[in-house]
Amino acid sequence: MKAHKFLLIGISLLIILNIFLLFEVFKPGKDHPPHPPQLSKVLGMYGKDAQWVDAEFDRHIHEKEQLIEEQKKWRMNVKIDASYTAQNQVIFAKISRIQFQIDSCTFDHFTKVKAKCNKEQRAALQGVIQRMIQMAGKPKHFKRP
């Protein structure tokens, strides 16, 4: 009889835990990945160098966001119609030039940051860059309506 009670309590706890986890996983507002920690912290920087790296990161993100918004505006002009192929090609060329600017400003950003790093910080920075490259282009989880 005692073992039966422990088994029922254990199963009840597992059910409650599963329900709680389901609510956490499907909580609204979790459609995007968590924001990464400050670059200076990831690199183990302190003091003025850390402040400079964080300010440079903020400057870079602002520049990149502006370029991405410009790219989105051009993408909104693409017509899904065969009769607009020539016009779409012009738009695609503009989108490509903006992507080149995005990639160039990112390269410049990391070049500037690397100049402030010591040997260990350069290795950590290389790890950050490798993770970014691996994550690039992976679609976010798409929820069907």
Foldseek 3Di string as FASTA:
>chain_A
DVVVVVVVVVVVVVVVVVVVVVCVVPPPPPQDDDDDPQLCVLLVHDDPLSVVLNVLVVVLVVVLVVLVVVLVVLVVPDDPDPVCVVVVVVSVVVSVVSVVVNVVSVVVSLVVNCVSHDPSSNVSSVVVVVVCVVPPPDDGDDDDD
